[in-house]
């Protein structure tokens, strides 16, 4: 699943808020390592690798709107700067690992990593997109059927009370 920009920003803000309000907790290096492994193996709420390219494109678009005559120069400058800061992706990985470590013990993190690294965990991750789509389709169908029934029953009830609907 790929998050839209607004969803990514909301997730980032929520994670930053949670990090800022969490009680201080000592995280051991081994727990942080287990957290990084668990975070790497589990399905993520968004495509973190797409964040920098998205930011790069956003900056390019903004600058090109201001100076369309410099579109080539802008693209070259922004892409060059993006390449220079690409190594900072590890900062996000470290922050994500700390977020996991604040919520799970080292043993729990190892169990999570073991599951998602297993054959069943791999199958689970592979099935998630299709299963998620199917669950959405099923929930929409159920909601539509329920809405129709609710409308019909409500109109019948109102008719019994002498109110008419077309």
Protein backbone atom coordinates (compact mmCIF):
# COMPACT_ATOMS: atom_id res chain seq x y z
CA UNK A 1 0.00 0.00 0.00
CA UNK A 2 1.34 3.45 -0.87
CA UNK A 3 0.30 6.38 1.24
CA UNK A 4 -0.66 9.67 -0.31
CA UNK A 5 1.33 12.72 0.75
CA UNK A 6 -1.27 13.88 3.28
CA UNK A 7 -1.45 10.42 4.82
CA UNK A 8 2.34 10.24 5.00
CA UNK A 9 2.51 13.65 6.67
CA UNK A 10 -0.22 12.65 9.13
CA UNK A 11 1.62 9.42 9.94
CA UNK A 12 4.89 11.29 10.41
CA UNK A 13 3.27 13.88 12.68
CA UNK A 14 1.52 11.16 14.70
CA UNK A 15 4.78 9.23 15.11
CA UNK A 16 6.63 12.40 16.13
CA UNK A 17 3.90 13.25 18.64
CA UNK A 18 3.96 9.74 20.07
CA UNK A 19 7.75 9.89 20.32
CA UNK A 20 7.63 13.24 22.08
CA UNK A 21 4.97 12.20 24.56
CA UNK A 22 6.19 8.70 25.29
CA UNK A 23 7.68 8.10 28.68
CA UNK A 24 11.45 7.99 28.64
CA UNK A 25 12.45 4.37 28.17
CA UNK A 26 15.88 2.88 28.08
CA UNK A 27 16.37 0.99 24.83
CA UNK A 28 19.25 -1.44 24.69
CA UNK A 29 21.33 -1.81 21.51
CA UNK A 30 20.10 -5.40 21.13
CA UNK A 31 16.47 -4.29 21.49
CA UNK A 32 17.05 -1.56 18.90
CA UNK A 33 18.63 -4.14 16.57
CA UNK A 34 15.64 -6.47 17.06
CA UNK A 35 13.30 -3.54 16.41
CA UNK A 36 15.10 -2.69 13.17
CA UNK A 37 14.84 -6.32 12.05
CA UNK A 38 11.13 -6.47 12.93
CA UNK A 39 10.42 -3.17 11.15
CA UNK A 40 12.31 -4.34 8.08
CA UNK A 41 10.43 -7.64 7.85
CA UNK A 42 6.89 -6.46 8.59
CA UNK A 43 4.48 -4.80 6.19
CA UNK A 44 4.86 -1.04 6.45
CA UNK A 45 2.08 1.56 6.34
CA UNK A 46 3.76 3.34 3.45
CA UNK A 47 6.55 3.30 0.93
CA UNK A 48 9.33 5.11 2.81
CA UNK A 49 11.61 4.80 -0.21
CA UNK A 50 9.22 7.03 -2.16
CA UNK A 51 9.44 9.92 0.31
CA UNK A 52 12.62 11.55 -1.02
CA UNK A 53 11.65 11.24 -4.70
CA UNK A 54 8.27 12.73 -3.80
CA UNK A 55 9.92 15.59 -1.92
CA UNK A 56 12.31 16.14 -4.82
CA UNK A 57 9.45 16.32 -7.31
CA UNK A 58 7.51 18.68 -5.03
CA UNK A 59 10.49 21.04 -4.75
CA UNK A 60 11.12 20.90 -8.49
CA UNK A 61 7.48 21.69 -9.26
CA UNK A 62 7.47 24.58 -6.81
CA UNK A 63 10.64 26.12 -8.20
CA UNK A 64 9.63 25.56 -11.84
CA UNK A 65 6.33 27.36 -11.19
CA UNK A 66 8.37 30.34 -10.05
CA UNK A 67 10.93 30.16 -12.84
CA UNK A 68 9.74 27.96 -15.72
CA UNK A 69 12.59 29.27 -17.87
CA UNK A 70 15.05 27.42 -15.59
CA UNK A 71 13.35 24.01 -15.59
CA UNK A 72 16.48 22.11 -16.70
CA UNK A 73 18.73 23.88 -14.21
CA UNK A 74 16.18 23.40 -11.44
CA UNK A 75 15.82 19.68 -12.18
CA UNK A 76 19.60 19.22 -12.17
CA UNK A 77 20.07 21.20 -8.94
CA UNK A 78 17.26 19.50 -7.03
CA UNK A 79 18.22 16.01 -8.18
CA UNK A 80 21.83 16.66 -7.20
CA UNK A 81 20.84 17.87 -3.77
CA UNK A 82 18.47 14.92 -3.34
CA UNK A 83 21.31 12.52 -4.12
CA UNK A 84 23.49 14.25 -1.53
CA UNK A 85 20.89 13.86 1.22
CA UNK A 86 19.69 10.38 0.21
CA UNK A 87 22.01 8.85 2.80
CA UNK A 88 19.88 10.39 5.51
CA UNK A 89 17.26 7.71 4.81
CA UNK A 90 19.00 5.77 7.56
CA UNK A 91 17.80 8.47 10.00
CA UNK A 92 14.22 7.47 9.23
CA UNK A 93 15.09 3.78 9.64
CA UNK A 94 16.60 4.54 13.06
CA UNK A 95 13.55 6.56 14.11
CA UNK A 96 11.23 3.75 12.99
CA UNK A 97 13.30 1.19 14.91
CA UNK A 98 13.08 3.35 18.06
CA UNK A 99 9.30 3.61 17.59
CA UNK A 100 9.07 -0.18 17.45
CA UNK A 101 11.42 -0.57 20.43
CA UNK A 102 9.27 1.75 22.57
CA UNK A 103 6.23 -0.44 21.98
CA UNK A 104 7.60 -3.98 22.12
CA UNK A 105 10.07 -5.84 24.29
CA UNK A 106 13.16 -7.36 22.71
CA UNK A 107 11.61 -10.83 22.97
CA UNK A 108 8.41 -9.65 21.28
CA UNK A 109 10.41 -7.97 18.52
CA UNK A 110 12.35 -11.18 17.92
CA UNK A 111 9.07 -13.13 17.73
CA UNK A 112 7.62 -10.61 15.26
CA UNK A 113 10.76 -10.79 13.10
CA UNK A 114 10.74 -14.60 13.28
CA UNK A 115 7.12 -14.75 12.12
CA UNK A 116 7.52 -12.28 9.25
CA UNK A 117 10.77 -13.94 8.23
CA UNK A 118 9.10 -17.36 8.14
CA UNK A 119 7.37 -18.99 5.18
CA UNK A 120 3.96 -18.19 6.67
CA UNK A 121 4.95 -14.58 7.39
CA UNK A 122 6.17 -14.18 3.82
CA UNK A 123 2.89 -15.63 2.54
CA UNK A 124 0.96 -13.27 4.82
CA UNK A 125 2.84 -10.21 3.50
CA UNK A 126 2.30 -11.31 -0.10
CA UNK A 127 -1.44 -11.81 0.49
CA UNK A 128 -2.02 -8.49 2.25
CA UNK A 129 -2.62 -6.24 -0.79
CA UNK A 130 -5.12 -8.61 -2.42
CA UNK A 131 -6.73 -9.50 0.90
CA UNK A 132 -6.99 -5.82 1.83
CA UNK A 133 -8.69 -5.04 -1.47
CA UNK A 134 -11.08 -7.95 -1.01
CA UNK A 135 -11.95 -6.84 2.53
CA UNK A 136 -12.68 -3.33 1.26
CA UNK A 137 -14.88 -4.73 -1.54
CA UNK A 138 -16.71 -7.00 0.90
CA UNK A 139 -17.24 -4.23 3.45
CA UNK A 140 -18.57 -1.89 0.76
CA UNK A 141 -21.01 -4.57 -0.44
CA UNK A 142 -22.13 -5.29 3.12
CA UNK A 143 -22.58 -1.56 3.80
CA UNK A 144 -24.57 -1.11 0.59
CA UNK A 145 -26.87 -4.05 1.45
CA UNK A 146 -27.29 -2.80 5.00
CA UNK A 147 -28.01 0.73 3.81
CA UNK A 148 -30.69 -0.52 1.40
CA UNK A 149 -32.30 -2.59 4.14
CA UNK A 150 -32.14 0.27 6.60
CA UNK A 151 -33.72 2.64 4.07
CA UNK A 152 -36.50 0.17 3.27
CA UNK A 153 -37.26 -0.56 6.93
CA UNK A 154 -37.17 3.13 7.87
CA UNK A 155 -39.55 4.09 5.02
CA UNK A 156 -41.90 1.26 6.08
CA UNK A 157 -41.82 2.46 9.70
CA UNK A 158 -42.48 6.04 8.65
CA UNK A 159 -45.33 4.83 6.39
CA UNK A 160 -46.89 3.04 9.38
CA UNK A 161 -46.80 6.40 11.16
CA UNK A 162 -48.58 8.01 8.21
CA UNK A 163 -45.60 9.61 6.47
CA UNK A 164 -45.06 9.08 2.76
CA UNK A 165 -41.78 8.91 0.82
CA UNK A 166 -41.29 8.45 -2.92
